[in-house]
C-alpha atoms as a PDB file:
ATOM      1  CA  MET A   1     -63.995 -57.161  26.703  1.00  0.00           C
ATOM      2  CA  LEU A   2     -63.641 -59.008  29.649  1.00  0.00           C
ATOM      3  CA  CYS A   3     -62.585 -62.435  29.621  1.00  0.00           C
ATOM      4  CA  PRO A   4     -61.763 -65.281  32.219  1.00  0.00           C
ATOM      5  CA  LYS A   5     -59.235 -65.254  33.992  1.00  0.00           C
ATOM      6  CA  ILE A   6     -55.861 -68.441  33.398  1.00  0.00           C
ATOM      7  CA  LEU A   7     -55.209 -70.404  35.895  1.00  0.00           C
ATOM      8  CA  ASP A   8     -52.812 -72.456  33.804  1.00  0.00           C
ATOM      9  CA  VAL A   9     -50.180 -72.010  30.578  1.00  0.00           C
ATOM     10  CA  LYS A  10     -48.162 -74.446  29.171  1.00  0.00           C
ATOM     11  CA  ALA A  11     -45.653 -73.998  26.431  1.00  0.00           C
ATOM     12  CA  LEU A  12     -46.244 -76.579  23.250  1.00  0.00           C
ATOM     13  CA  ASP A  13     -44.667 -77.689  20.526  1.00  0.00           C
ATOM     14  CA  ASN A  14     -44.475 -75.529  16.994  1.00  0.00           C
ATOM     15  CA  PHE A  15     -45.385 -72.283  18.896  1.00  0.00           C
ATOM     16  CA  LYS A  16     -48.308 -73.142  20.791  1.00  0.00           C
ATOM     17  CA  VAL A  17     -49.710 -72.537  24.380  1.00  0.00           C
ATOM     18  CA  LYS A  18     -51.817 -74.410  26.052  1.00  0.00           C
ATOM     19  CA  LEU A  19     -54.200 -72.563  28.360  1.00  0.00           C
ATOM     20  CA  LYS A  20     -56.723 -73.341  31.651  1.00  0.00           C
ATOM     21  CA  TYR A  21     -59.463 -70.780  32.254  1.00  0.00           C
ATOM     22  CA  GLU A  22     -61.718 -70.472  35.510  1.00  0.00           C
ATOM     23  CA  THR A  23     -64.364 -71.434  33.540  1.00  0.00           C
ATOM     24  CA  GLY A  24     -63.070 -75.122  32.964  1.00  0.00           C
ATOM     25  CA  GLU A  25     -61.613 -74.715  29.283  1.00  0.00           C
ATOM     26  CA  ILE A  26     -58.633 -75.624  28.002  1.00  0.00           C
ATOM     27  CA  LYS A  27     -57.361 -73.892  24.611  1.00  0.00           C
ATOM     28  CA  ILE A  28     -54.420 -74.115  22.343  1.00  0.00           C
ATOM     29  CA  PHE A  29     -53.096 -71.230  21.021  1.00  0.00           C
ATOM     30  CA  ASN A  30     -51.303 -70.549  17.874  1.00  0.00           C
ATOM     31  CA  VAL A  31     -48.554 -67.970  18.712  1.00  0.00           C
ATOM     32  CA  LEU A  32     -46.439 -68.360  15.389  1.00  0.00           C
ATOM     33  CA  PRO A  33     -48.867 -65.819  13.338  1.00  0.00           C
ATOM     34  CA  TYR A  34     -47.576 -63.150  15.995  1.00  0.00           C
ATOM     35  CA  ILE A  35     -43.838 -63.527  16.508  1.00  0.00           C
ATOM     36  CA  PHE A  36     -42.539 -60.995  13.616  1.00  0.00           C
ATOM     37  CA  GLY A  37     -40.923 -57.594  14.517  1.00  0.00           C
ATOM     38  CA  LYS A  38     -37.929 -56.975  16.459  1.00  0.00           C
ATOM     39  CA  TRP A  39     -39.929 -57.260  19.719  1.00  0.00           C
ATOM     40  CA  TYR A  40     -41.269 -61.101  19.152  1.00  0.00           C
ATOM     41  CA  GLU A  41     -38.493 -61.938  17.500  1.00  0.00           C
ATOM     42  CA  GLU A  42     -36.666 -64.327  19.988  1.00  0.00           C
ATOM     43  CA  LEU A  43     -39.736 -66.294  20.784  1.00  0.00           C
ATOM     44  CA  TYR A  44     -38.078 -68.259  17.987  1.00  0.00           C
ATOM     45  CA  ASN A  45     -35.632 -69.996  20.435  1.00  0.00           C
ATOM     46  CA  ASP A  46     -37.792 -72.921  21.704  1.00  0.00           C
ATOM     47  CA  ASN A  47     -35.871 -72.236  24.998  1.00  0.00           C
ATOM     48  CA  TYR A  48     -36.862 -69.056  25.689  1.00  0.00           C
ATOM     49  CA  PHE A  49     -40.853 -69.814  24.675  1.00  0.00           C
ATOM     50  CA  LYS A  50     -40.648 -72.152  26.963  1.00  0.00           C
ATOM     51  CA  THR A  51     -40.402 -69.341  29.401  1.00  0.00           C
ATOM     52  CA  VAL A  52     -43.774 -68.303  28.835  1.00  0.00           C
ATOM     53  CA  HIS A  53     -45.592 -67.683  32.431  1.00  0.00           C
ATOM     54  CA  LEU A  54     -48.777 -66.312  33.818  1.00  0.00           C
ATOM     55  CA  ILE A  55     -48.984 -62.173  34.496  1.00  0.00           C
ATOM     56  CA  SER A  56     -50.118 -61.862  38.110  1.00  0.00           C
ATOM     57  CA  GLY A  57     -53.965 -62.579  38.383  1.00  0.00           C
ATOM     58  CA  GLY A  58     -54.452 -64.421  35.646  1.00  0.00           C
ATOM     59  CA  LYS A  59     -54.671 -61.784  33.066  1.00  0.00           C
ATOM     60  CA  GLY A  60     -52.937 -62.689  30.168  1.00  0.00           C
ATOM     61  CA  ILE A  61     -49.216 -64.533  29.342  1.00  0.00           C
ATOM     62  CA  GLU A  62     -46.012 -62.829  29.203  1.00  0.00           C
ATOM     63  CA  TRP A  63     -42.119 -64.186  28.390  1.00  0.00           C
ATOM     64  CA  GLU A  64     -39.290 -63.019  30.388  1.00  0.00           C
ATOM     65  CA  HIS A  65     -38.289 -59.938  29.119  1.00  0.00           C
ATOM     66  CA  GLY A  66     -42.087 -58.641  28.245  1.00  0.00           C
ATOM     67  CA  GLN A  67     -43.432 -60.303  25.368  1.00  0.00           C
ATOM     68  CA  ASP A  68     -47.048 -60.633  25.524  1.00  0.00           C
ATOM     69  CA  ILE A  69     -50.462 -61.462  23.825  1.00  0.00           C
ATOM     70  CA  ALA A  70     -53.556 -59.444  24.624  1.00  0.00           C
ATOM     71  CA  PRO A  71     -56.230 -61.730  26.387  1.00  0.00           C
ATOM     72  CA  HIS A  72     -58.819 -61.295  24.333  1.00  0.00           C
ATOM     73  CA  GLU A  73     -56.598 -62.329  21.521  1.00  0.00           C
ATOM     74  CA  LEU A  74     -55.488 -65.432  23.541  1.00  0.00           C
ATOM     75  CA  TYR A  75     -59.175 -66.545  24.418  1.00  0.00           C
ATOM     76  CA  ASP A  76     -61.015 -65.423  21.026  1.00  0.00           C
ATOM     77  CA  MET A  77     -57.921 -66.833  19.029  1.00  0.00           C
ATOM     78  CA  SER A  78     -57.688 -70.124  20.469  1.00  0.00           C
ATOM     79  CA  ILE A  79     -59.357 -73.498  19.650  1.00  0.00           C
ATOM     80  CA  ILE A  80     -60.984 -75.193  23.077  1.00  0.00           C
ATOM     81  CA  GLU A  81     -58.870 -78.790  23.077  1.00  0.00           C
ATOM     82  CA  ASN A  82     -60.148 -81.836  22.739  1.00  0.00           C
END
């Protein structure tokens, strides 16, 4: 599935990220259910969690050591910000 390009990502409190899409949509994604296992355990550190950034071309998001979440999950499982 092709998802809209992500223009901006910002780490929020409580393991959530705010995503701004090329469609103009602003969505909130809860990362907490995805943080399990050794690969994602660093995300429990608030300072590390805040290192989230865009993957080149707005195809997704990732953290400094390569942890990421599939773009379709980010789009489909997030809620529109009110």
